[in-house]
Amino acid sequence: QVQLVESGGGSVQPGGSLRLSCAASGFRLDYYRIGWFRQAPGKEREGVSCISSRDSSTYYADSVKGRFTISRDRAKNTVYLQMNTLEPEDTATYYCATGPPYYSGSDFCRPLSYSRWGQGTQVTVSS
């Protein structure tokens, strides 16, 4: 079965850390751009961090720069999002998605340029 599965979400206190995993089954992630997105209740889905197919380019939303790190383990066919110094504003459902390696202009980390999505994992940051 071809699918993406996110894991690693949970509830943490402000200042804590989580590592999200995005594992692919039934296909290889090597060819694709991979993105992490999040959606909080009542808000639009936003790009958090994305990585190019060759890992040569990364994007981070301003709100997570210096706190989050995206990485890819090709041997495990998995992409990770290390999230440190978490804030209540990071509370959301986090999704990973794949996109074609080629993209136009500012579409690198826009949700509309990604086509295969996981089911999401909840991250709650609260004291």
Foldseek 3Di string as FASTA:
>chain_A
DWAWAKDFADEEAQQAKIKIKIATPPDAQLQWKKWKWWDDPPDDIFTAKIAASNRPDMDGDPVQPPFWDWDDDRVRSMIMIIGGRDDQVPWTWMKMFTAGRDDDDPCRRPPVRTDGIHPTDTHGYHD
